[in-house]
Amino acid sequence: MNAYLEIIRPGNAIMAVIAVLLIAIISGIFTFNVLLGCIVVFIITGAGNSINDYFDYKIDAINKPERPIPSGRISLKKAGIYSLILLSTGTILAFIIGFIPGIIALVTSLLMFYYAYRLKKKFLIGNLVISFLTGLTFVFGGVIVGEILTSIFLGFYPFLTTLAREIVKDMEDVEGDRIEGATTLPIISGMRISSIIAASFLIFASLSSPVLYYFGILSVFYLPLLIIAVLIFLYNALSILNDQSIENSRKVSNRLKIGMIIILLAYGLGSPFLASLI
């Protein structure tokens, strides 16, 4: 894969785009602004990934030496310039959609930069920021189509599961983070406490997520895939509680990502708009 494409982690960027698409599907509103919003989210999410790698190149040299910067395929200077161009482009396009989407994109861009520069390896703050930005992607889509309250409900559960996964990822990266002097939750409070907190978020999200059907936000078609996702989340909550090793943390992190993808599919299938067409 081309290094400039790889550094934005297109898979992650596409997952963020899906949040906007889901809000459009759930609301039944498909406009040019929705398409432009998807482009904005892809660009800014990619920029966030790139700027992350820019500031994390020393840690990545230990934890993930195959990435574009530590492997030497992109220089540090070029990666920084590339990231700023992407952030600026995404923000400008968002203002074309409207003032509020533009402000959200601007705040997101600044927060992504500061997160990568200062907050990422701070005790829980970095985890909360990236999880907040995940949920905010749904709200961004909700602003575009005029479904803000619905988008807040839908963004809440990705916020919880992302927060759990971010903690698990810190457990996975604990060795490199400790060398770099990071103050992540596993380093400050230990792997056991980290596993309990991550598992708690997963269990709460799993047990409360049916309220999206109960309140009529999603249709009954949301439930079958939700059950699969809940089983994945609960299994991994137990797994990380039983084994806090770096190897298992890596496995749990990967499996949680699968569960999160299934939740997105459940959102799509549970769209009241789609249900009305059946």
C-alpha atoms as a PDB file:
ATOM      1  CA  MET A   1       0.000   0.000   0.000  1.00  0.00           C
ATOM      2  CA  ASN A   2       1.176   3.530  -0.767  1.00  0.00           C
ATOM      3  CA  ALA A   3       2.672   5.045   2.384  1.00  0.00           C
ATOM      4  CA  TYR A   4       0.596   8.253   2.135  1.00  0.00           C
ATOM      5  CA  LEU A   5      -2.561   6.166   1.955  1.00  0.00           C
ATOM      6  CA  GLU A   6      -1.433   3.782   4.677  1.00  0.00           C
ATOM      7  CA  ILE A   7      -0.654   6.541   7.170  1.00  0.00           C
ATOM      8  CA  ILE A   8      -4.268   7.776   7.158  1.00  0.00           C
ATOM      9  CA  ARG A   9      -5.456   4.209   7.900  1.00  0.00           C
ATOM     10  CA  PRO A  10      -8.236   4.199   5.298  1.00  0.00           C
ATOM     11  CA  GLY A  11     -10.043   1.324   7.009  1.00  0.00           C
ATOM     12  CA  ASN A  12     -10.514   3.389  10.173  1.00  0.00           C
ATOM     13  CA  ALA A  13     -11.449   6.458   8.121  1.00  0.00           C
ATOM     14  CA  ILE A  14     -14.108   4.485   6.242  1.00  0.00           C
ATOM     15  CA  MET A  15     -15.554   3.254   9.541  1.00  0.00           C
ATOM     16  CA  ALA A  16     -15.931   6.889  10.597  1.00  0.00           C
ATOM     17  CA  VAL A  17     -17.659   7.677   7.289  1.00  0.00           C
ATOM     18  CA  ILE A  18     -20.127   4.876   7.990  1.00  0.00           C
ATOM     19  CA  ALA A  19     -21.362   6.833  11.011  1.00  0.00           C
ATOM     20  CA  VAL A  20     -22.551   9.661   8.745  1.00  0.00           C
ATOM     21  CA  LEU A  21     -24.038   7.215   6.253  1.00  0.00           C
ATOM     22  CA  LEU A  22     -25.923   5.442   9.026  1.00  0.00           C
ATOM     23  CA  ILE A  23     -27.486   8.677  10.225  1.00  0.00           C
ATOM     24  CA  ALA A  24     -28.577   9.350   6.628  1.00  0.00           C
ATOM     25  CA  ILE A  25     -30.018   5.833   6.314  1.00  0.00           C
ATOM     26  CA  ILE A  26     -31.813   6.035   9.646  1.00  0.00           C
ATOM     27  CA  SER A  27     -33.284   9.448   8.818  1.00  0.00           C
ATOM     28  CA  GLY A  28     -33.992   8.587   5.174  1.00  0.00           C
ATOM     29  CA  ILE A  29     -32.326  11.812   4.056  1.00  0.00           C
ATOM     30  CA  PHE A  30     -29.802  11.600   1.218  1.00  0.00           C
ATOM     31  CA  THR A  31     -28.437  14.905  -0.058  1.00  0.00           C
ATOM     32  CA  PHE A  32     -25.254  16.331  -1.555  1.00  0.00           C
ATOM     33  CA  ASN A  33     -24.351  17.627   1.890  1.00  0.00           C
ATOM     34  CA  VAL A  34     -24.413  14.059   3.215  1.00  0.00           C
ATOM     35  CA  LEU A  35     -21.932  13.045   0.508  1.00  0.00           C
ATOM     36  CA  LEU A  36     -19.764  16.066   1.304  1.00  0.00           C
ATOM     37  CA  GLY A  37     -20.004  15.234   4.996  1.00  0.00           C
ATOM     38  CA  CYS A  38     -18.677  11.732   4.279  1.00  0.00           C
ATOM     39  CA  ILE A  39     -15.716  13.218   2.431  1.00  0.00           C
ATOM     40  CA  VAL A  40     -15.052  15.611   5.324  1.00  0.00           C
ATOM     41  CA  VAL A  41     -15.111  12.807   7.883  1.00  0.00           C
ATOM     42  CA  PHE A  42     -12.806  10.611   5.778  1.00  0.00           C
ATOM     43  CA  ILE A  43     -10.264  13.413   5.318  1.00  0.00           C
ATOM     44  CA  ILE A  44     -10.259  14.638   8.923  1.00  0.00           C
ATOM     45  CA  THR A  45     -10.174  11.121  10.392  1.00  0.00           C
ATOM     46  CA  GLY A  46      -7.297  10.271   8.071  1.00  0.00           C
ATOM     47  CA  ALA A  47      -5.539  13.460   9.107  1.00  0.00           C
ATOM     48  CA  GLY A  48      -5.990  12.535  12.759  1.00  0.00           C
ATOM     49  CA  ASN A  49      -4.389   9.158  12.140  1.00  0.00           C
ATOM     50  CA  SER A  50      -1.522  10.787  10.277  1.00  0.00           C
ATOM     51  CA  ILE A  51      -0.833  13.429  12.928  1.00  0.00           C
ATOM     52  CA  ASN A  52      -0.977  10.657  15.514  1.00  0.00           C
ATOM     53  CA  ASP A  53       1.825   8.839  13.749  1.00  0.00           C
ATOM     54  CA  TYR A  54       3.763  12.103  13.499  1.00  0.00           C
ATOM     55  CA  PHE A  55       3.865  12.587  17.264  1.00  0.00           C
ATOM     56  CA  ASP A  56       4.114   8.875  18.075  1.00  0.00           C
ATOM     57  CA  TYR A  57       7.003   7.956  15.801  1.00  0.00           C
ATOM     58  CA  LYS A  58       9.321   7.109  18.717  1.00  0.00           C
ATOM     59  CA  ILE A  59       6.764   4.872  20.410  1.00  0.00           C
ATOM     60  CA  ASP A  60       5.835   3.296  17.066  1.00  0.00           C
ATOM     61  CA  ALA A  61       9.501   2.518  16.480  1.00  0.00           C
ATOM     62  CA  ILE A  62       9.157   0.164  19.474  1.00  0.00           C
ATOM     63  CA  ASN A  63       5.540  -1.010  19.233  1.00  0.00           C
ATOM     64  CA  LYS A  64       4.848  -0.829  15.476  1.00  0.00           C
ATOM     65  CA  PRO A  65       8.091  -0.328  13.518  1.00  0.00           C
ATOM     66  CA  GLU A  66       6.405  -1.273  10.230  1.00  0.00           C
ATOM     67  CA  ARG A  67       4.379   1.957  10.115  1.00  0.00           C
ATOM     68  CA  PRO A  68       5.274   4.539   7.403  1.00  0.00           C
ATOM     69  CA  ILE A  69       7.325   6.960   9.537  1.00  0.00           C
ATOM     70  CA  PRO A  70       9.466   4.574  11.652  1.00  0.00           C
ATOM     71  CA  SER A  71      10.002   2.371   8.590  1.00  0.00           C
ATOM     72  CA  GLY A  72      11.394   5.384   6.703  1.00  0.00           C
ATOM     73  CA  ARG A  73       8.820   5.381   3.902  1.00  0.00           C
ATOM     74  CA  ILE A  74       7.666   8.904   4.862  1.00  0.00           C
ATOM     75  CA  SER A  75       9.858  11.517   6.493  1.00  0.00           C
ATOM     76  CA  LEU A  76       8.683  13.142   9.705  1.00  0.00           C
ATOM     77  CA  LYS A  77       8.525  16.572   8.053  1.00  0.00           C
ATOM     78  CA  LYS A  78       6.442  15.379   5.099  1.00  0.00           C
ATOM     79  CA  ALA A  79       4.051  13.540   7.416  1.00  0.00           C
ATOM     80  CA  GLY A  80       3.494  16.737   9.435  1.00  0.00           C
ATOM     81  CA  ILE A  81       2.823  18.859   6.347  1.00  0.00           C
ATOM     82  CA  TYR A  82       0.552  16.195   4.892  1.00  0.00           C
ATOM     83  CA  SER A  83      -1.474  16.042   8.121  1.00  0.00           C
ATOM     84  CA  LEU A  84      -1.977  19.817   8.280  1.00  0.00           C
ATOM     85  CA  ILE A  85      -3.082  19.959   4.639  1.00  0.00           C
ATOM     86  CA  LEU A  86      -5.652  17.256   5.268  1.00  0.00           C
ATOM     87  CA  LEU A  87      -6.990  18.931   8.419  1.00  0.00           C
ATOM     88  CA  SER A  88      -7.296  22.284   6.637  1.00  0.00           C
ATOM     89  CA  THR A  89      -8.989  20.773   3.584  1.00  0.00           C
ATOM     90  CA  GLY A  90     -11.518  18.852   5.665  1.00  0.00           C
ATOM     91  CA  THR A  91     -12.395  21.919   7.738  1.00  0.00           C
ATOM     92  CA  ILE A  92     -12.893  24.139   4.675  1.00  0.00           C
ATOM     93  CA  LEU A  93     -15.192  21.570   3.063  1.00  0.00           C
ATOM     94  CA  ALA A  94     -17.205  21.334   6.295  1.00  0.00           C
ATOM     95  CA  PHE A  95     -17.843  25.097   6.258  1.00  0.00           C
ATOM     96  CA  ILE A  96     -19.213  24.690   2.740  1.00  0.00           C
ATOM     97  CA  ILE A  97     -21.879  22.402   4.240  1.00  0.00           C
ATOM     98  CA  GLY A  98     -22.780  24.974   6.877  1.00  0.00           C
ATOM     99  CA  PHE A  99     -21.535  27.026   9.800  1.00  0.00           C
ATOM    100  CA  ILE A 100     -22.249  24.468  12.539  1.00  0.00           C
ATOM    101  CA  PRO A 101     -20.708  21.519  10.617  1.00  0.00           C
ATOM    102  CA  GLY A 102     -17.719  23.784   9.964  1.00  0.00           C
ATOM    103  CA  ILE A 103     -17.348  24.618  13.658  1.00  0.00           C
ATOM    104  CA  ILE A 104     -17.601  20.914  14.570  1.00  0.00           C
ATOM    105  CA  ALA A 105     -14.910  20.081  12.007  1.00  0.00           C
ATOM    106  CA  LEU A 106     -12.677  22.921  13.235  1.00  0.00           C
ATOM    107  CA  VAL A 107     -13.032  21.891  16.884  1.00  0.00           C
ATOM    108  CA  THR A 108     -12.447  18.262  15.919  1.00  0.00           C
ATOM    109  CA  SER A 109      -9.298  19.152  13.959  1.00  0.00           C
ATOM    110  CA  LEU A 110      -7.861  21.209  16.812  1.00  0.00           C
ATOM    111  CA  LEU A 111      -8.755  18.562  19.350  1.00  0.00           C
ATOM    112  CA  MET A 112      -7.186  15.822  17.215  1.00  0.00           C
ATOM    113  CA  PHE A 113      -3.973  17.830  16.953  1.00  0.00           C
ATOM    114  CA  TYR A 114      -3.831  18.562  20.682  1.00  0.00           C
ATOM    115  CA  TYR A 115      -4.756  14.969  21.477  1.00  0.00           C
ATOM    116  CA  ALA A 116      -1.838  13.651  19.449  1.00  0.00           C
ATOM    117  CA  TYR A 117       0.536  16.341  20.757  1.00  0.00           C
ATOM    118  CA  ARG A 118      -0.291  16.339  24.453  1.00  0.00           C
ATOM    119  CA  LEU A 119      -3.301  14.308  25.578  1.00  0.00           C
ATOM    120  CA  LYS A 120      -2.949  10.858  24.028  1.00  0.00           C
ATOM    121  CA  LYS A 121      -0.798   9.332  26.727  1.00  0.00           C
ATOM    122  CA  LYS A 122      -2.329  11.189  29.663  1.00  0.00           C
ATOM    123  CA  PHE A 123      -4.225   9.315  32.347  1.00  0.00           C
ATOM    124  CA  LEU A 124      -7.677   8.536  30.854  1.00  0.00           C
ATOM    125  CA  ILE A 125      -7.963  11.973  29.195  1.00  0.00           C
ATOM    126  CA  GLY A 126      -6.655  10.719  25.867  1.00  0.00           C
ATOM    127  CA  ASN A 127      -9.027   7.761  25.974  1.00  0.00           C
ATOM    128  CA  LEU A 128     -11.969  10.044  26.659  1.00  0.00           C
ATOM    129  CA  VAL A 129     -11.047  12.449  23.865  1.00  0.00           C
ATOM    130  CA  ILE A 130     -10.808   9.833  21.131  1.00  0.00           C
ATOM    131  CA  SER A 131     -14.041   8.209  22.339  1.00  0.00           C
ATOM    132  CA  PHE A 132     -15.772  11.590  22.375  1.00  0.00           C
ATOM    133  CA  LEU A 133     -14.616  12.236  18.808  1.00  0.00           C
ATOM    134  CA  THR A 134     -16.015   8.857  17.759  1.00  0.00           C
ATOM    135  CA  GLY A 135     -19.431   9.744  19.143  1.00  0.00           C
ATOM    136  CA  LEU A 136     -19.168  13.257  17.702  1.00  0.00           C
ATOM    137  CA  THR A 137     -18.954  11.787  14.204  1.00  0.00           C
ATOM    138  CA  PHE A 138     -22.558  10.600  14.595  1.00  0.00           C
ATOM    139  CA  VAL A 139     -23.592  14.037  15.847  1.00  0.00           C
ATOM    140  CA  PHE A 140     -21.860  15.635  12.846  1.00  0.00           C
ATOM    141  CA  GLY A 141     -24.056  13.500  10.594  1.00  0.00           C
ATOM    142  CA  GLY A 142     -27.087  14.333  12.720  1.00  0.00           C
ATOM    143  CA  VAL A 143     -26.466  18.065  12.286  1.00  0.00           C
ATOM    144  CA  ILE A 144     -26.289  17.649   8.510  1.00  0.00           C
ATOM    145  CA  VAL A 145     -29.646  15.828   8.257  1.00  0.00           C
ATOM    146  CA  GLY A 146     -31.397  17.568  11.165  1.00  0.00           C
ATOM    147  CA  GLU A 147     -31.530  14.547  13.511  1.00  0.00           C
ATOM    148  CA  ILE A 148     -29.375  15.766  16.376  1.00  0.00           C
ATOM    149  CA  LEU A 149     -31.089  13.997  19.303  1.00  0.00           C
ATOM    150  CA  THR A 150     -31.165  10.658  17.466  1.00  0.00           C
ATOM    151  CA  SER A 151     -27.507  11.009  16.569  1.00  0.00           C
ATOM    152  CA  ILE A 152     -26.577  11.655  20.221  1.00  0.00           C
ATOM    153  CA  PHE A 153     -28.293   8.419  21.266  1.00  0.00           C
ATOM    154  CA  LEU A 154     -26.606   6.491  18.454  1.00  0.00           C
ATOM    155  CA  GLY A 155     -23.195   8.008  19.194  1.00  0.00           C
ATOM    156  CA  PHE A 156     -23.330   7.177  22.896  1.00  0.00           C
ATOM    157  CA  TYR A 157     -22.703   3.439  22.470  1.00  0.00           C
ATOM    158  CA  PRO A 158     -19.757   3.774  20.075  1.00  0.00           C
ATOM    159  CA  PHE A 159     -18.399   6.229  22.662  1.00  0.00           C
ATOM    160  CA  LEU A 160     -18.585   3.556  25.383  1.00  0.00           C
ATOM    161  CA  THR A 161     -17.156   0.703  23.318  1.00  0.00           C
ATOM    162  CA  THR A 162     -14.401   2.904  21.900  1.00  0.00           C
ATOM    163  CA  LEU A 163     -13.465   3.981  25.420  1.00  0.00           C
ATOM    164  CA  ALA A 164     -13.178   0.347  26.473  1.00  0.00           C
ATOM    165  CA  ARG A 165     -11.095  -0.518  23.412  1.00  0.00           C
ATOM    166  CA  GLU A 166      -8.797   2.486  23.892  1.00  0.00           C
ATOM    167  CA  ILE A 167      -8.019   1.292  27.422  1.00  0.00           C
ATOM    168  CA  VAL A 168      -7.310  -2.208  26.119  1.00  0.00           C
ATOM    169  CA  LYS A 169      -5.049  -0.737  23.432  1.00  0.00           C
ATOM    170  CA  ASP A 170      -3.120   1.090  26.164  1.00  0.00           C
ATOM    171  CA  MET A 171      -2.698  -2.262  27.881  1.00  0.00           C
ATOM    172  CA  GLU A 172      -1.374  -3.659  24.609  1.00  0.00           C
ATOM    173  CA  ASP A 173       1.117  -0.784  24.223  1.00  0.00           C
ATOM    174  CA  VAL A 174       2.176  -0.566  27.863  1.00  0.00           C
ATOM    175  CA  GLU A 175       5.835  -1.484  27.285  1.00  0.00           C
ATOM    176  CA  GLY A 176       6.563   1.189  24.689  1.00  0.00           C
ATOM    177  CA  ASP A 177       4.455   3.755  26.544  1.00  0.00           C
ATOM    178  CA  ARG A 178       6.377   3.148  29.773  1.00  0.00           C
ATOM    179  CA  ILE A 179       9.696   3.697  28.006  1.00  0.00           C
ATOM    180  CA  GLU A 180       8.406   7.018  26.625  1.00  0.00           C
ATOM    181  CA  GLY A 181       7.223   8.173  30.052  1.00  0.00           C
ATOM    182  CA  ALA A 182       3.509   8.055  29.239  1.00  0.00           C
ATOM    183  CA  THR A 183       0.969   8.182  32.061  1.00  0.00           C
ATOM    184  CA  THR A 184      -1.738   5.902  30.681  1.00  0.00           C
ATOM    185  CA  LEU A 185      -4.224   4.074  32.879  1.00  0.00           C
ATOM    186  CA  PRO A 186      -2.322   0.733  32.784  1.00  0.00           C
ATOM    187  CA  ILE A 187       0.926   2.449  33.785  1.00  0.00           C
ATOM    188  CA  ILE A 188      -0.586   4.475  36.631  1.00  0.00           C
ATOM    189  CA  SER A 189      -3.190   2.048  37.961  1.00  0.00           C
ATOM    190  CA  GLY A 190      -1.976  -1.289  36.677  1.00  0.00           C
ATOM    191  CA  MET A 191      -3.269  -3.829  34.194  1.00  0.00           C
ATOM    192  CA  ARG A 192      -5.830  -5.361  36.560  1.00  0.00           C
ATOM    193  CA  ILE A 193      -7.605  -2.077  37.346  1.00  0.00           C
ATOM    194  CA  SER A 194      -7.506  -1.173  33.646  1.00  0.00           C
ATOM    195  CA  SER A 195      -9.153  -4.460  32.723  1.00  0.00           C
ATOM    196  CA  ILE A 196     -11.923  -3.909  35.289  1.00  0.00           C
ATOM    197  CA  ILE A 197     -12.675  -0.426  33.964  1.00  0.00           C
ATOM    198  CA  ALA A 198     -12.643  -1.541  30.326  1.00  0.00           C
ATOM    199  CA  ALA A 199     -14.846  -4.535  31.090  1.00  0.00           C
ATOM    200  CA  SER A 200     -17.278  -2.327  33.030  1.00  0.00           C
ATOM    201  CA  PHE A 201     -17.815  -0.066  30.013  1.00  0.00           C
ATOM    202  CA  LEU A 202     -18.349  -3.101  27.786  1.00  0.00           C
ATOM    203  CA  ILE A 203     -20.851  -4.680  30.172  1.00  0.00           C
ATOM    204  CA  PHE A 204     -22.796  -1.436  30.645  1.00  0.00           C
ATOM    205  CA  ALA A 205     -22.941  -0.812  26.894  1.00  0.00           C
ATOM    206  CA  SER A 206     -24.034  -4.394  26.243  1.00  0.00           C
ATOM    207  CA  LEU A 207     -26.814  -4.460  28.834  1.00  0.00           C
ATOM    208  CA  SER A 208     -28.222  -1.002  28.084  1.00  0.00           C
ATOM    209  CA  SER A 209     -27.996  -0.939  24.264  1.00  0.00           C
ATOM    210  CA  PRO A 210     -31.490  -2.453  23.721  1.00  0.00           C
ATOM    211  CA  VAL A 211     -32.942   0.918  24.818  1.00  0.00           C
ATOM    212  CA  LEU A 212     -32.389   2.108  21.240  1.00  0.00           C
ATOM    213  CA  TYR A 213     -35.147  -0.301  20.241  1.00  0.00           C
ATOM    214  CA  TYR A 214     -37.245   0.335  23.345  1.00  0.00           C
ATOM    215  CA  PHE A 215     -37.354   4.095  22.656  1.00  0.00           C
ATOM    216  CA  GLY A 216     -38.190   3.514  18.995  1.00  0.00           C
ATOM    217  CA  ILE A 217     -34.948   4.926  17.636  1.00  0.00           C
ATOM    218  CA  LEU A 218     -34.234   1.655  15.818  1.00  0.00           C
ATOM    219  CA  SER A 219     -36.570  -1.053  14.585  1.00  0.00           C
ATOM    220  CA  VAL A 220     -36.766  -4.691  15.662  1.00  0.00           C
ATOM    221  CA  PHE A 221     -34.307  -5.612  12.903  1.00  0.00           C
ATOM    222  CA  TYR A 222     -31.615  -4.020  15.083  1.00  0.00           C
ATOM    223  CA  LEU A 223     -31.877  -6.782  17.673  1.00  0.00           C
ATOM    224  CA  PRO A 224     -30.493  -9.924  15.925  1.00  0.00           C
ATOM    225  CA  LEU A 225     -27.112  -8.398  15.133  1.00  0.00           C
ATOM    226  CA  LEU A 226     -27.115  -6.586  18.464  1.00  0.00           C
ATOM    227  CA  ILE A 227     -27.260  -9.959  20.223  1.00  0.00           C
ATOM    228  CA  ILE A 228     -24.167 -11.119  18.311  1.00  0.00           C
ATOM    229  CA  ALA A 229     -22.295  -7.906  19.172  1.00  0.00           C
ATOM    230  CA  VAL A 230     -23.306  -8.139  22.828  1.00  0.00           C
ATOM    231  CA  LEU A 231     -22.002 -11.714  23.027  1.00  0.00           C
ATOM    232  CA  ILE A 232     -18.685 -10.538  21.554  1.00  0.00           C
ATOM    233  CA  PHE A 233     -18.427  -7.649  24.002  1.00  0.00           C
ATOM    234  CA  LEU A 234     -19.321  -9.749  27.030  1.00  0.00           C
ATOM    235  CA  TYR A 235     -16.936 -12.538  25.994  1.00  0.00           C
ATOM    236  CA  ASN A 236     -14.098 -10.060  25.654  1.00  0.00           C
ATOM    237  CA  ALA A 237     -14.990  -8.361  28.920  1.00  0.00           C
ATOM    238  CA  LEU A 238     -14.523 -11.736  30.635  1.00  0.00           C
ATOM    239  CA  SER A 239     -11.393 -12.432  28.600  1.00  0.00           C
ATOM    240  CA  ILE A 240      -9.616  -9.233  29.611  1.00  0.00           C
ATOM    241  CA  LEU A 241     -10.665  -9.729  33.238  1.00  0.00           C
ATOM    242  CA  ASN A 242      -9.126 -13.203  33.241  1.00  0.00           C
ATOM    243  CA  ASP A 243      -5.953 -12.402  31.300  1.00  0.00           C
ATOM    244  CA  GLN A 244      -4.301  -8.967  31.207  1.00  0.00           C
ATOM    245  CA  SER A 245      -1.264 -10.040  29.206  1.00  0.00           C
ATOM    246  CA  ILE A 246      -0.102  -7.918  26.282  1.00  0.00           C
ATOM    247  CA  GLU A 247      -0.799 -10.784  23.908  1.00  0.00           C
ATOM    248  CA  ASN A 248      -4.390 -11.201  25.096  1.00  0.00           C
ATOM    249  CA  SER A 249      -4.922  -7.436  25.129  1.00  0.00           C
ATOM    250  CA  ARG A 250      -4.016  -7.403  21.445  1.00  0.00           C
ATOM    251  CA  LYS A 251      -6.484 -10.203  20.720  1.00  0.00           C
ATOM    252  CA  VAL A 252      -9.245  -8.507  22.702  1.00  0.00           C
ATOM    253  CA  SER A 253      -8.628  -5.209  20.922  1.00  0.00           C
ATOM    254  CA  ASN A 254      -9.009  -6.891  17.529  1.00  0.00           C
ATOM    255  CA  ARG A 255     -12.154  -8.754  18.545  1.00  0.00           C
ATOM    256  CA  LEU A 256     -13.714  -5.587  19.967  1.00  0.00           C
ATOM    257  CA  LYS A 257     -13.206  -3.932  16.603  1.00  0.00           C
ATOM    258  CA  ILE A 258     -15.220  -6.742  15.009  1.00  0.00           C
ATOM    259  CA  GLY A 259     -17.973  -6.213  17.579  1.00  0.00           C
ATOM    260  CA  MET A 260     -18.029  -2.499  16.809  1.00  0.00           C
ATOM    261  CA  ILE A 261     -18.411  -3.211  13.091  1.00  0.00           C
ATOM    262  CA  ILE A 262     -21.339  -5.520  13.844  1.00  0.00           C
ATOM    263  CA  ILE A 263     -22.973  -2.769  15.907  1.00  0.00           C
ATOM    264  CA  LEU A 264     -22.727  -0.425  12.925  1.00  0.00           C
ATOM    265  CA  LEU A 265     -24.385  -3.069  10.754  1.00  0.00           C
ATOM    266  CA  ALA A 266     -27.093  -3.455  13.400  1.00  0.00           C
ATOM    267  CA  TYR A 267     -27.704   0.308  13.288  1.00  0.00           C
ATOM    268  CA  GLY A 268     -28.145   0.123   9.526  1.00  0.00           C
ATOM    269  CA  LEU A 269     -30.505  -2.865   9.590  1.00  0.00           C
ATOM    270  CA  GLY A 270     -32.489  -1.270  12.392  1.00  0.00           C
ATOM    271  CA  SER A 271     -33.147   1.909  10.443  1.00  0.00           C
ATOM    272  CA  PRO A 272     -36.832   2.881  10.689  1.00  0.00           C
ATOM    273  CA  PHE A 273     -36.540   4.164   7.117  1.00  0.00           C
ATOM    274  CA  LEU A 274     -35.488   0.736   5.846  1.00  0.00           C
ATOM    275  CA  ALA A 275     -38.157  -0.944   7.952  1.00  0.00           C
ATOM    276  CA  SER A 276     -40.807   1.260   6.339  1.00  0.00           C
ATOM    277  CA  LEU A 277     -39.768  -0.003   2.919  1.00  0.00           C
ATOM    278  CA  ILE A 278     -40.279  -3.659   3.862  1.00  0.00           C
END
